[in-house]
Amino acid sequence: MRRLIYILSALGLAGSLGAAGAGFWVYGSFTRPGPLERDSVLIIERGSGAGAIARELNRAAVIDSALIFKIGVRFFNDPIPMKAGEYLFPAGVSPMNAAKILQNGKTVIRRMTVAEGLSSAEVINILRRTEGLTGQMSPPPEEGSLLPETYHFSFGDTRQDMVSRMKTAQRKLLSSLWSDRSEGLPINTPRDAVILASIVEKETGRKGERSRVAAVFLNRIRKKMRLQSDPTIVYGITRGRRPLGRKLSRKDLKTETPYNTYIIKGLPPTPIANPGRDALRAVLQPDVTDELYFVADGTGGHVFSSTLEQHNRNVARWRRFQKQKKGASGQ
């Protein structure tokens, strides 16, 4: 009997030592550098459990063994859930640190840039083509309601959330600029400011000109002159859904649409694009001038004038420039 007890005790000690050895081996495998040869980005899908995550990490060569990872997460790691998303794993990351990256939830940050002067239809197309965003957008955003900017997002964020962020950013900026607007402006509402800013945005891409272009249009509004802006005619034809793809014709100038500012008085009924912060600021804090006209100068900018006589001379100069350029190109 005494001998049997001795034998059983010896077997129990050996088993304990074996279990301890196995534990040390698992811990060492869990904490030592892994097989990943270079930094790698990996997407963990929503709803993935520890087993699915371990298999995905093993498949991507982030870890050597899915089993070691699962055991290590269970016994040697903080009891914090691992989160879905897009993660950057550095070269040689240990299984333990890979688990901590997933527990911290610090996902890869993506960027999406919306340029100034795009229509809402064009912004929607960008959102649809942007990889990493999910879901549909409903209803379509109103023209002029989005703020052009560079936006950061994580894999799996929704397109509708991006639209909401752009709308919120536009409302906050517009509210701030409206509060600080210059005195005596001939526009009565923030919406009118957005409409005029969208026209300014489409008229010039030069930052230094926007306040001067805005001043011209505001002076024309004060004098009850028609705005006579070509981009409004284009929008009346396309509604921002596509480029016009040709030059405006005399017929276009005479075609009645709610946006033809050669025919209608005052502002068109809606913005014709989504203006950026510089165009909005230009309208609400414009230059102080008596100028009423501007025309392209052939270098990407414009030449301004206060009288029709001056303007006609500038237009004639522009037409000569175009004719010379056409002759030089052999067209």
C-alpha atoms as a PDB file:
ATOM      1  CA  MET A   1       0.000   0.000   0.000  1.00  0.00           C
ATOM      2  CA  ARG A   2       2.807   2.389   0.926  1.00  0.00           C
ATOM      3  CA  ARG A   3       4.534   1.582  -2.370  1.00  0.00           C
ATOM      4  CA  LEU A   4       1.350   2.341  -4.398  1.00  0.00           C
ATOM      5  CA  ILE A   5       1.040   5.759  -2.745  1.00  0.00           C
ATOM      6  CA  TYR A   6       4.667   6.491  -3.610  1.00  0.00           C
ATOM      7  CA  ILE A   7       4.152   5.518  -7.240  1.00  0.00           C
ATOM      8  CA  LEU A   8       0.992   7.655  -7.568  1.00  0.00           C
ATOM      9  CA  SER A   9       2.727  10.641  -5.952  1.00  0.00           C
ATOM     10  CA  ALA A  10       5.645  10.304  -8.357  1.00  0.00           C
ATOM     11  CA  LEU A  11       3.308  10.188 -11.342  1.00  0.00           C
ATOM     12  CA  GLY A  12       1.417  13.286 -10.110  1.00  0.00           C
ATOM     13  CA  LEU A  13       4.658  15.241  -9.690  1.00  0.00           C
ATOM     14  CA  ALA A  14       5.804  14.234 -13.143  1.00  0.00           C
ATOM     15  CA  GLY A  15       2.456  15.332 -14.566  1.00  0.00           C
ATOM     16  CA  SER A  16       2.687  18.688 -12.817  1.00  0.00           C
ATOM     17  CA  LEU A  17       6.213  19.208 -14.054  1.00  0.00           C
ATOM     18  CA  GLY A  18       5.102  18.297 -17.569  1.00  0.00           C
ATOM     19  CA  ALA A  19       2.200  20.731 -17.432  1.00  0.00           C
ATOM     20  CA  ALA A  20       4.467  23.477 -16.126  1.00  0.00           C
ATOM     21  CA  GLY A  21       6.959  22.773 -18.890  1.00  0.00           C
ATOM     22  CA  ALA A  22       4.225  22.904 -21.497  1.00  0.00           C
ATOM     23  CA  GLY A  23       3.023  26.179 -20.004  1.00  0.00           C
ATOM     24  CA  PHE A  24       6.481  27.705 -20.182  1.00  0.00           C
ATOM     25  CA  TRP A  25       6.815  26.539 -23.770  1.00  0.00           C
ATOM     26  CA  VAL A  26       3.442  28.051 -24.782  1.00  0.00           C
ATOM     27  CA  TYR A  27       4.300  31.315 -23.018  1.00  0.00           C
ATOM     28  CA  GLY A  28       7.650  31.493 -24.782  1.00  0.00           C
ATOM     29  CA  SER A  29       6.025  30.851 -28.160  1.00  0.00           C
ATOM     30  CA  PHE A  30       3.336  33.442 -27.409  1.00  0.00           C
ATOM     31  CA  THR A  31       5.785  36.212 -26.474  1.00  0.00           C
ATOM     32  CA  ARG A  32       8.669  35.690 -28.885  1.00  0.00           C
ATOM     33  CA  PRO A  33       8.858  37.506 -32.276  1.00  0.00           C
ATOM     34  CA  GLY A  34       6.597  36.099 -34.952  1.00  0.00           C
ATOM     35  CA  PRO A  35       7.285  35.161 -38.596  1.00  0.00           C
ATOM     36  CA  LEU A  36       6.039  38.363 -40.257  1.00  0.00           C
ATOM     37  CA  GLU A  37       8.832  39.610 -42.550  1.00  0.00           C
ATOM     38  CA  ARG A  38       7.510  43.121 -43.230  1.00  0.00           C
ATOM     39  CA  ASP A  39       4.833  45.469 -41.908  1.00  0.00           C
ATOM     40  CA  SER A  40       1.441  44.212 -43.043  1.00  0.00           C
ATOM     41  CA  VAL A  41      -2.131  45.493 -43.024  1.00  0.00           C
ATOM     42  CA  LEU A  42      -4.858  42.982 -42.250  1.00  0.00           C
ATOM     43  CA  ILE A  43      -8.633  43.306 -42.034  1.00  0.00           C
ATOM     44  CA  ILE A  44     -10.446  41.481 -39.229  1.00  0.00           C
ATOM     45  CA  GLU A  45     -14.098  41.116 -40.186  1.00  0.00           C
ATOM     46  CA  ARG A  46     -16.928  41.966 -37.814  1.00  0.00           C
ATOM     47  CA  GLY A  47     -18.194  39.022 -35.786  1.00  0.00           C
ATOM     48  CA  SER A  48     -14.861  37.174 -35.840  1.00  0.00           C
ATOM     49  CA  GLY A  49     -14.218  35.173 -32.684  1.00  0.00           C
ATOM     50  CA  ALA A  50     -10.840  34.238 -31.220  1.00  0.00           C
ATOM     51  CA  GLY A  51     -10.625  31.118 -33.373  1.00  0.00           C
ATOM     52  CA  ALA A  52     -11.412  32.930 -36.623  1.00  0.00           C
ATOM     53  CA  ILE A  53      -8.954  35.707 -35.738  1.00  0.00           C
ATOM     54  CA  ALA A  54      -6.222  33.177 -34.940  1.00  0.00           C
ATOM     55  CA  ARG A  55      -6.756  31.416 -38.256  1.00  0.00           C
ATOM     56  CA  GLU A  56      -6.680  34.717 -40.176  1.00  0.00           C
ATOM     57  CA  LEU A  57      -3.449  35.806 -38.460  1.00  0.00           C
ATOM     58  CA  ASN A  58      -1.920  32.417 -39.217  1.00  0.00           C
ATOM     59  CA  ARG A  59      -3.026  32.556 -42.842  1.00  0.00           C
ATOM     60  CA  ALA A  60      -1.422  36.010 -43.196  1.00  0.00           C
ATOM     61  CA  ALA A  61       1.820  34.731 -41.601  1.00  0.00           C
ATOM     62  CA  VAL A  62       1.513  37.128 -38.659  1.00  0.00           C
ATOM     63  CA  ILE A  63       1.743  34.142 -36.281  1.00  0.00           C
ATOM     64  CA  ASP A  64       3.114  30.595 -36.557  1.00  0.00           C
ATOM     65  CA  SER A  65       0.349  28.756 -34.771  1.00  0.00           C
ATOM     66  CA  ALA A  66      -3.336  29.492 -34.370  1.00  0.00           C
ATOM     67  CA  LEU A  67      -3.483  27.101 -31.396  1.00  0.00           C
ATOM     68  CA  ILE A  68      -0.649  28.876 -29.523  1.00  0.00           C
ATOM     69  CA  PHE A  69      -2.372  32.206 -30.165  1.00  0.00           C
ATOM     70  CA  LYS A  70      -5.716  30.986 -28.791  1.00  0.00           C
ATOM     71  CA  ILE A  71      -4.136  29.441 -25.701  1.00  0.00           C
ATOM     72  CA  GLY A  72      -1.947  32.494 -25.122  1.00  0.00           C
ATOM     73  CA  VAL A  73      -4.887  34.905 -25.431  1.00  0.00           C
ATOM     74  CA  ARG A  74      -6.850  32.817 -22.938  1.00  0.00           C
ATOM     75  CA  PHE A  75      -4.200  32.308 -20.270  1.00  0.00           C
ATOM     76  CA  PHE A  76      -1.477  34.937 -20.711  1.00  0.00           C
ATOM     77  CA  ASN A  77      -3.237  38.076 -21.964  1.00  0.00           C
ATOM     78  CA  ASP A  78      -5.542  40.700 -20.505  1.00  0.00           C
ATOM     79  CA  PRO A  79      -9.219  39.627 -20.646  1.00  0.00           C
ATOM     80  CA  ILE A  80     -10.141  42.332 -23.148  1.00  0.00           C
ATOM     81  CA  PRO A  81     -12.128  41.519 -26.303  1.00  0.00           C
ATOM     82  CA  MET A  82     -10.347  41.813 -29.644  1.00  0.00           C
ATOM     83  CA  LYS A  83     -12.026  44.232 -32.042  1.00  0.00           C
ATOM     84  CA  ALA A  84     -12.784  44.032 -35.753  1.00  0.00           C
ATOM     85  CA  GLY A  85     -11.224  46.509 -38.170  1.00  0.00           C
ATOM     86  CA  GLU A  86      -8.174  47.172 -40.309  1.00  0.00           C
ATOM     87  CA  TYR A  87      -4.865  46.881 -38.457  1.00  0.00           C
ATOM     88  CA  LEU A  88      -1.187  47.427 -39.156  1.00  0.00           C
ATOM     89  CA  PHE A  89       1.014  44.648 -37.774  1.00  0.00           C
ATOM     90  CA  PRO A  90       4.746  45.471 -37.621  1.00  0.00           C
ATOM     91  CA  ALA A  91       7.338  43.001 -38.878  1.00  0.00           C
ATOM     92  CA  GLY A  92       8.258  40.378 -36.274  1.00  0.00           C
ATOM     93  CA  VAL A  93       5.315  41.196 -34.014  1.00  0.00           C
ATOM     94  CA  SER A  94       4.831  38.574 -31.301  1.00  0.00           C
ATOM     95  CA  PRO A  95       1.472  36.801 -30.959  1.00  0.00           C
ATOM     96  CA  MET A  96       1.009  38.576 -27.611  1.00  0.00           C
ATOM     97  CA  ASN A  97       1.546  42.016 -29.119  1.00  0.00           C
ATOM     98  CA  ALA A  98      -0.639  41.119 -32.106  1.00  0.00           C
ATOM     99  CA  ALA A  99      -3.419  40.365 -29.633  1.00  0.00           C
ATOM    100  CA  LYS A 100      -2.806  43.674 -27.815  1.00  0.00           C
ATOM    101  CA  ILE A 101      -3.058  45.563 -31.131  1.00  0.00           C
ATOM    102  CA  LEU A 102      -6.466  43.978 -31.714  1.00  0.00           C
ATOM    103  CA  GLN A 103      -7.551  44.660 -28.129  1.00  0.00           C
ATOM    104  CA  ASN A 104      -6.537  48.331 -28.275  1.00  0.00           C
ATOM    105  CA  GLY A 105      -8.675  48.809 -31.385  1.00  0.00           C
ATOM    106  CA  LYS A 106      -6.289  51.350 -32.936  1.00  0.00           C
ATOM    107  CA  THR A 107      -7.195  50.766 -36.547  1.00  0.00           C
ATOM    108  CA  VAL A 108      -5.530  52.023 -39.727  1.00  0.00           C
ATOM    109  CA  ILE A 109      -6.708  55.534 -40.624  1.00  0.00           C
ATOM    110  CA  ARG A 110      -7.701  56.085 -44.243  1.00  0.00           C
ATOM    111  CA  ARG A 111      -8.109  59.407 -46.051  1.00  0.00           C
ATOM    112  CA  MET A 112     -10.646  60.705 -48.551  1.00  0.00           C
ATOM    113  CA  THR A 113     -10.280  64.138 -50.168  1.00  0.00           C
ATOM    114  CA  VAL A 114     -13.223  66.078 -51.583  1.00  0.00           C
ATOM    115  CA  ALA A 115     -12.044  68.967 -53.755  1.00  0.00           C
ATOM    116  CA  GLU A 116     -13.678  72.397 -53.672  1.00  0.00           C
ATOM    117  CA  GLY A 117     -16.322  73.080 -56.304  1.00  0.00           C
ATOM    118  CA  LEU A 118     -17.573  69.525 -56.866  1.00  0.00           C
ATOM    119  CA  SER A 119     -21.287  68.971 -57.193  1.00  0.00           C
ATOM    120  CA  SER A 120     -23.059  66.693 -54.733  1.00  0.00           C
ATOM    121  CA  ALA A 121     -23.460  64.120 -57.524  1.00  0.00           C
ATOM    122  CA  GLU A 122     -19.690  64.135 -58.008  1.00  0.00           C
ATOM    123  CA  VAL A 123     -19.099  63.757 -54.266  1.00  0.00           C
ATOM    124  CA  ILE A 124     -21.461  60.776 -54.200  1.00  0.00           C
ATOM    125  CA  ASN A 125     -19.424  59.147 -56.963  1.00  0.00           C
ATOM    126  CA  ILE A 126     -16.244  59.637 -54.904  1.00  0.00           C
ATOM    127  CA  LEU A 127     -17.907  58.044 -51.879  1.00  0.00           C
ATOM    128  CA  ARG A 128     -19.077  55.090 -53.952  1.00  0.00           C
ATOM    129  CA  ARG A 129     -15.560  54.507 -55.320  1.00  0.00           C
ATOM    130  CA  THR A 130     -13.762  54.906 -51.979  1.00  0.00           C
ATOM    131  CA  GLU A 131     -12.523  51.521 -50.747  1.00  0.00           C
ATOM    132  CA  GLY A 132     -13.223  50.750 -47.113  1.00  0.00           C
ATOM    133  CA  LEU A 133     -16.545  52.577 -46.905  1.00  0.00           C
ATOM    134  CA  THR A 134     -19.768  50.586 -46.697  1.00  0.00           C
ATOM    135  CA  GLY A 135     -23.499  51.075 -47.198  1.00  0.00           C
ATOM    136  CA  GLN A 136     -25.667  53.316 -49.318  1.00  0.00           C
ATOM    137  CA  MET A 137     -26.584  57.001 -49.063  1.00  0.00           C
ATOM    138  CA  SER A 138     -30.170  58.051 -48.660  1.00  0.00           C
ATOM    139  CA  PRO A 139     -31.447  60.607 -49.350  1.00  0.00           C
ATOM    140  CA  PRO A 140     -28.872  62.230 -51.677  1.00  0.00           C
ATOM    141  CA  PRO A 141     -27.268  65.306 -50.088  1.00  0.00           C
ATOM    142  CA  GLU A 142     -28.539  68.696 -51.191  1.00  0.00           C
ATOM    143  CA  GLU A 143     -26.315  70.765 -53.449  1.00  0.00           C
ATOM    144  CA  GLY A 144     -24.007  72.971 -51.421  1.00  0.00           C
ATOM    145  CA  SER A 145     -24.588  71.146 -48.125  1.00  0.00           C
ATOM    146  CA  LEU A 146     -21.177  69.407 -47.990  1.00  0.00           C
ATOM    147  CA  LEU A 147     -17.849  70.909 -46.949  1.00  0.00           C
ATOM    148  CA  PRO A 148     -14.957  70.014 -49.280  1.00  0.00           C
ATOM    149  CA  GLU A 149     -12.096  68.790 -47.121  1.00  0.00           C
ATOM    150  CA  THR A 150      -9.827  65.823 -46.414  1.00  0.00           C
ATOM    151  CA  TYR A 151     -11.659  63.381 -44.164  1.00  0.00           C
ATOM    152  CA  HIS A 152     -10.178  60.490 -42.191  1.00  0.00           C
ATOM    153  CA  PHE A 153     -12.046  57.247 -41.652  1.00  0.00           C
ATOM    154  CA  SER A 154     -11.581  53.614 -40.668  1.00  0.00           C
ATOM    155  CA  PHE A 155     -12.380  50.512 -42.679  1.00  0.00           C
ATOM    156  CA  GLY A 156     -16.054  49.694 -42.337  1.00  0.00           C
ATOM    157  CA  ASP A 157     -17.276  53.248 -41.727  1.00  0.00           C
ATOM    158  CA  THR A 158     -20.441  53.996 -43.662  1.00  0.00           C
ATOM    159  CA  ARG A 159     -20.887  56.345 -46.584  1.00  0.00           C
ATOM    160  CA  GLN A 160     -23.914  57.879 -44.908  1.00  0.00           C
ATOM    161  CA  ASP A 161     -21.780  58.687 -41.867  1.00  0.00           C
ATOM    162  CA  MET A 162     -19.266  60.451 -44.123  1.00  0.00           C
ATOM    163  CA  VAL A 163     -22.100  62.497 -45.649  1.00  0.00           C
ATOM    164  CA  SER A 164     -23.287  63.430 -42.157  1.00  0.00           C
ATOM    165  CA  ARG A 165     -19.763  64.478 -41.178  1.00  0.00           C
ATOM    166  CA  MET A 166     -19.431  66.681 -44.268  1.00  0.00           C
ATOM    167  CA  LYS A 167     -22.807  68.289 -43.568  1.00  0.00           C
ATOM    168  CA  THR A 168     -21.943  68.935 -39.929  1.00  0.00           C
ATOM    169  CA  ALA A 169     -18.584  70.445 -40.874  1.00  0.00           C
ATOM    170  CA  GLN A 170     -20.277  72.761 -43.382  1.00  0.00           C
ATOM    171  CA  ARG A 171     -22.916  73.913 -40.877  1.00  0.00           C
ATOM    172  CA  LYS A 172     -20.319  74.659 -38.197  1.00  0.00           C
ATOM    173  CA  LEU A 173     -18.065  76.590 -40.570  1.00  0.00           C
ATOM    174  CA  LEU A 174     -20.953  78.527 -42.098  1.00  0.00           C
ATOM    175  CA  SER A 175     -22.321  79.441 -38.671  1.00  0.00           C
ATOM    176  CA  SER A 176     -18.926  80.781 -37.592  1.00  0.00           C
ATOM    177  CA  LEU A 177     -18.359  82.763 -40.795  1.00  0.00           C
ATOM    178  CA  TRP A 178     -21.898  84.141 -40.768  1.00  0.00           C
ATOM    179  CA  SER A 179     -21.387  85.464 -37.235  1.00  0.00           C
ATOM    180  CA  ASP A 180     -18.213  87.261 -38.365  1.00  0.00           C
ATOM    181  CA  ARG A 181     -19.551  88.528 -41.707  1.00  0.00           C
ATOM    182  CA  SER A 182     -18.824  92.028 -42.930  1.00  0.00           C
ATOM    183  CA  GLU A 183     -21.462  94.686 -42.387  1.00  0.00           C
ATOM    184  CA  GLY A 184     -23.772  95.823 -45.172  1.00  0.00           C
ATOM    185  CA  LEU A 185     -23.703  92.692 -47.319  1.00  0.00           C
ATOM    186  CA  PRO A 186     -26.622  92.471 -49.787  1.00  0.00           C
ATOM    187  CA  ILE A 187     -27.340  88.850 -48.860  1.00  0.00           C
ATOM    188  CA  ASN A 188     -29.873  88.028 -46.188  1.00  0.00           C
ATOM    189  CA  THR A 189     -29.370  84.387 -45.249  1.00  0.00           C
ATOM    190  CA  PRO A 190     -26.579  81.831 -44.818  1.00  0.00           C
ATOM    191  CA  ARG A 191     -28.125  79.868 -47.678  1.00  0.00           C
ATOM    192  CA  ASP A 192     -27.722  82.862 -50.003  1.00  0.00           C
ATOM    193  CA  ALA A 193     -24.084  83.020 -48.921  1.00  0.00           C
ATOM    194  CA  VAL A 194     -23.612  79.366 -49.920  1.00  0.00           C
ATOM    195  CA  ILE A 195     -25.274  79.967 -53.298  1.00  0.00           C
ATOM    196  CA  LEU A 196     -23.025  82.901 -54.103  1.00  0.00           C
ATOM    197  CA  ALA A 197     -19.946  81.127 -52.744  1.00  0.00           C
ATOM    198  CA  SER A 198     -20.629  78.195 -55.065  1.00  0.00           C
ATOM    199  CA  ILE A 199     -20.599  80.588 -58.028  1.00  0.00           C
ATOM    200  CA  VAL A 200     -17.357  82.193 -56.827  1.00  0.00           C
ATOM    201  CA  GLU A 201     -15.852  78.707 -56.419  1.00  0.00           C
ATOM    202  CA  LYS A 202     -16.647  77.793 -60.006  1.00  0.00           C
ATOM    203  CA  GLU A 203     -15.479  81.132 -61.416  1.00  0.00           C
ATOM    204  CA  THR A 204     -11.918  81.033 -60.079  1.00  0.00           C
ATOM    205  CA  GLY A 205      -9.551  78.461 -58.687  1.00  0.00           C
ATOM    206  CA  ARG A 206      -7.104  81.085 -57.447  1.00  0.00           C
ATOM    207  CA  LYS A 207      -7.253  81.584 -53.705  1.00  0.00           C
ATOM    208  CA  GLY A 208      -6.107  85.210 -53.937  1.00  0.00           C
ATOM    209  CA  GLU A 209      -8.895  86.114 -56.353  1.00  0.00           C
ATOM    210  CA  ARG A 210     -11.925  84.740 -54.551  1.00  0.00           C
ATOM    211  CA  SER A 211     -12.575  87.780 -52.352  1.00  0.00           C
ATOM    212  CA  ARG A 212     -12.279  90.074 -55.369  1.00  0.00           C
ATOM    213  CA  VAL A 213     -14.603  87.955 -57.516  1.00  0.00           C
ATOM    214  CA  ALA A 214     -17.067  87.846 -54.626  1.00  0.00           C
ATOM    215  CA  ALA A 215     -16.908  91.642 -54.373  1.00  0.00           C
ATOM    216  CA  VAL A 216     -17.814  91.975 -58.066  1.00  0.00           C
ATOM    217  CA  PHE A 217     -20.921  89.815 -57.673  1.00  0.00           C
ATOM    218  CA  LEU A 218     -21.955  91.572 -54.459  1.00  0.00           C
ATOM    219  CA  ASN A 219     -21.569  94.957 -56.180  1.00  0.00           C
ATOM    220  CA  ARG A 220     -23.744  93.736 -59.044  1.00  0.00           C
ATOM    221  CA  ILE A 221     -26.399  92.545 -56.593  1.00  0.00           C
ATOM    222  CA  ARG A 222     -26.401  95.956 -54.912  1.00  0.00           C
ATOM    223  CA  LYS A 223     -26.936  97.624 -58.277  1.00  0.00           C
ATOM    224  CA  LYS A 224     -29.591  95.041 -59.235  1.00  0.00           C
ATOM    225  CA  MET A 225     -27.474  93.929 -62.198  1.00  0.00           C
ATOM    226  CA  ARG A 226     -27.686  90.356 -63.449  1.00  0.00           C
ATOM    227  CA  LEU A 227     -24.775  88.203 -62.308  1.00  0.00           C
ATOM    228  CA  GLN A 228     -24.052  86.863 -65.816  1.00  0.00           C
ATOM    229  CA  SER A 229     -21.990  83.910 -64.606  1.00  0.00           C
ATOM    230  CA  ASP A 230     -21.218  81.187 -67.154  1.00  0.00           C
ATOM    231  CA  PRO A 231     -20.947  78.363 -64.559  1.00  0.00           C
ATOM    232  CA  THR A 232     -24.596  78.906 -63.600  1.00  0.00           C
ATOM    233  CA  ILE A 233     -25.607  78.277 -67.200  1.00  0.00           C
ATOM    234  CA  VAL A 234     -23.597  75.051 -67.237  1.00  0.00           C
ATOM    235  CA  TYR A 235     -25.307  73.879 -64.059  1.00  0.00           C
ATOM    236  CA  GLY A 236     -28.700  74.654 -65.546  1.00  0.00           C
ATOM    237  CA  ILE A 237     -27.880  72.239 -68.362  1.00  0.00           C
ATOM    238  CA  THR A 238     -26.143  69.442 -66.429  1.00  0.00           C
ATOM    239  CA  ARG A 239     -27.464  69.850 -62.848  1.00  0.00           C
ATOM    240  CA  GLY A 240     -23.952  68.862 -61.796  1.00  0.00           C
ATOM    241  CA  ARG A 241     -24.384  65.253 -62.894  1.00  0.00           C
ATOM    242  CA  ARG A 242     -21.737  65.384 -65.623  1.00  0.00           C
ATOM    243  CA  PRO A 243     -19.260  67.759 -67.276  1.00  0.00           C
ATOM    244  CA  LEU A 244     -20.696  69.845 -70.102  1.00  0.00           C
ATOM    245  CA  GLY A 245     -17.954  68.603 -72.397  1.00  0.00           C
ATOM    246  CA  ARG A 246     -18.076  71.594 -74.735  1.00  0.00           C
ATOM    247  CA  LYS A 247     -17.982  75.356 -74.830  1.00  0.00           C
ATOM    248  CA  LEU A 248     -21.090  77.342 -74.085  1.00  0.00           C
ATOM    249  CA  SER A 249     -22.947  78.514 -77.179  1.00  0.00           C
ATOM    250  CA  ARG A 250     -24.958  81.646 -77.862  1.00  0.00           C
ATOM    251  CA  LYS A 251     -28.049  79.453 -77.707  1.00  0.00           C
ATOM    252  CA  ASP A 252     -27.073  78.357 -74.183  1.00  0.00           C
ATOM    253  CA  LEU A 253     -26.837  81.985 -73.083  1.00  0.00           C
ATOM    254  CA  LYS A 254     -30.394  82.570 -74.253  1.00  0.00           C
ATOM    255  CA  THR A 255     -31.911  79.295 -72.998  1.00  0.00           C
ATOM    256  CA  GLU A 256     -34.219  79.882 -70.069  1.00  0.00           C
ATOM    257  CA  THR A 257     -33.448  77.812 -66.970  1.00  0.00           C
ATOM    258  CA  PRO A 258     -33.776  78.757 -63.288  1.00  0.00           C
ATOM    259  CA  TYR A 259     -29.961  78.959 -63.239  1.00  0.00           C
ATOM    260  CA  ASN A 260     -29.286  81.162 -66.266  1.00  0.00           C
ATOM    261  CA  THR A 261     -28.031  84.315 -64.560  1.00  0.00           C
ATOM    262  CA  TYR A 262     -27.883  86.082 -67.928  1.00  0.00           C
ATOM    263  CA  ILE A 263     -31.699  85.965 -67.829  1.00  0.00           C
ATOM    264  CA  ILE A 264     -32.812  85.703 -64.196  1.00  0.00           C
ATOM    265  CA  LYS A 265     -32.298  88.480 -61.674  1.00  0.00           C
ATOM    266  CA  GLY A 266     -30.435  87.817 -58.457  1.00  0.00           C
ATOM    267  CA  LEU A 267     -29.211  84.447 -57.278  1.00  0.00           C
ATOM    268  CA  PRO A 268     -30.166  81.069 -58.731  1.00  0.00           C
ATOM    269  CA  PRO A 269     -32.503  78.901 -56.614  1.00  0.00           C
ATOM    270  CA  THR A 270     -29.785  76.601 -55.233  1.00  0.00           C
ATOM    271  CA  PRO A 271     -26.001  76.393 -55.037  1.00  0.00           C
ATOM    272  CA  ILE A 272     -24.318  75.069 -58.167  1.00  0.00           C
ATOM    273  CA  ALA A 273     -21.550  73.200 -56.293  1.00  0.00           C
ATOM    274  CA  ASN A 274     -20.149  72.625 -52.829  1.00  0.00           C
ATOM    275  CA  PRO A 275     -17.968  75.654 -52.019  1.00  0.00           C
ATOM    276  CA  GLY A 276     -14.893  75.396 -49.825  1.00  0.00           C
ATOM    277  CA  ARG A 277     -14.037  77.463 -46.784  1.00  0.00           C
ATOM    278  CA  ASP A 278     -12.080  80.081 -48.804  1.00  0.00           C
ATOM    279  CA  ALA A 279     -15.006  80.761 -51.141  1.00  0.00           C
ATOM    280  CA  LEU A 280     -17.438  81.003 -48.217  1.00  0.00           C
ATOM    281  CA  ARG A 281     -15.116  83.391 -46.409  1.00  0.00           C
ATOM    282  CA  ALA A 282     -14.674  85.435 -49.596  1.00  0.00           C
ATOM    283  CA  VAL A 283     -18.415  86.025 -49.863  1.00  0.00           C
ATOM    284  CA  LEU A 284     -18.889  86.886 -46.191  1.00  0.00           C
ATOM    285  CA  GLN A 285     -15.673  88.917 -45.874  1.00  0.00           C
ATOM    286  CA  PRO A 286     -15.152  90.266 -49.405  1.00  0.00           C
ATOM    287  CA  ASP A 287     -12.730  92.853 -50.704  1.00  0.00           C
ATOM    288  CA  VAL A 288     -14.022  96.428 -50.764  1.00  0.00           C
ATOM    289  CA  THR A 289     -13.998  97.565 -54.396  1.00  0.00           C
ATOM    290  CA  ASP A 290     -16.211  99.309 -56.967  1.00  0.00           C
ATOM    291  CA  GLU A 291     -15.496  96.673 -59.632  1.00  0.00           C
ATOM    292  CA  LEU A 292     -18.380  95.236 -61.600  1.00  0.00           C
ATOM    293  CA  TYR A 293     -16.717  93.077 -64.264  1.00  0.00           C
ATOM    294  CA  PHE A 294     -13.963  90.527 -64.763  1.00  0.00           C
ATOM    295  CA  VAL A 295     -12.716  88.415 -67.644  1.00  0.00           C
ATOM    296  CA  ALA A 296      -9.995  85.778 -68.037  1.00  0.00           C
ATOM    297  CA  ASP A 297      -6.486  87.129 -68.560  1.00  0.00           C
ATOM    298  CA  GLY A 298      -5.001  84.082 -70.293  1.00  0.00           C
ATOM    299  CA  THR A 299      -2.810  83.008 -67.379  1.00  0.00           C
ATOM    300  CA  GLY A 300      -5.446  81.267 -65.288  1.00  0.00           C
ATOM    301  CA  GLY A 301      -6.494  84.448 -63.525  1.00  0.00           C
ATOM    302  CA  HIS A 302      -8.752  87.397 -64.324  1.00  0.00           C
ATOM    303  CA  VAL A 303      -8.533  91.103 -65.065  1.00  0.00           C
ATOM    304  CA  PHE A 304     -11.071  93.306 -63.283  1.00  0.00           C
ATOM    305  CA  SER A 305     -12.733  96.577 -64.217  1.00  0.00           C
ATOM    306  CA  SER A 306     -15.194  99.100 -62.814  1.00  0.00           C
ATOM    307  CA  THR A 307     -16.755 100.318 -66.067  1.00  0.00           C
ATOM    308  CA  LEU A 308     -18.251  98.633 -69.085  1.00  0.00           C
ATOM    309  CA  GLU A 309     -15.844 100.496 -71.342  1.00  0.00           C
ATOM    310  CA  GLN A 310     -12.846  99.077 -69.504  1.00  0.00           C
ATOM    311  CA  HIS A 311     -14.434  95.638 -69.501  1.00  0.00           C
ATOM    312  CA  ASN A 312     -15.037  95.696 -73.254  1.00  0.00           C
ATOM    313  CA  ARG A 313     -11.364  96.515 -73.830  1.00  0.00           C
ATOM    314  CA  ASN A 314     -10.370  93.619 -71.583  1.00  0.00           C
ATOM    315  CA  VAL A 315     -12.726  91.278 -73.406  1.00  0.00           C
ATOM    316  CA  ALA A 316     -11.273  92.351 -76.765  1.00  0.00           C
ATOM    317  CA  ARG A 317      -7.776  91.676 -75.433  1.00  0.00           C
ATOM    318  CA  TRP A 318      -8.888  88.226 -74.246  1.00  0.00           C
ATOM    319  CA  ARG A 319     -10.372  87.392 -77.628  1.00  0.00           C
ATOM    320  CA  ARG A 320      -7.164  88.429 -79.400  1.00  0.00           C
ATOM    321  CA  PHE A 321      -5.236  86.204 -77.028  1.00  0.00           C
ATOM    322  CA  GLN A 322      -7.529  83.282 -77.806  1.00  0.00           C
ATOM    323  CA  LYS A 323      -7.203  83.892 -81.542  1.00  0.00           C
ATOM    324  CA  GLN A 324      -3.393  84.003 -81.332  1.00  0.00           C
ATOM    325  CA  LYS A 325      -3.322  80.871 -79.249  1.00  0.00           C
ATOM    326  CA  LYS A 326      -5.568  79.084 -81.704  1.00  0.00           C
ATOM    327  CA  GLY A 327      -3.358  80.171 -84.614  1.00  0.00           C
ATOM    328  CA  ALA A 328      -0.201  79.055 -82.837  1.00  0.00           C
ATOM    329  CA  SER A 329      -1.691  75.604 -82.237  1.00  0.00           C
ATOM    330  CA  GLY A 330      -2.689  75.295 -85.913  1.00  0.00           C
ATOM    331  CA  GLN A 331      -6.351  74.750 -85.175  1.00  0.00           C
END
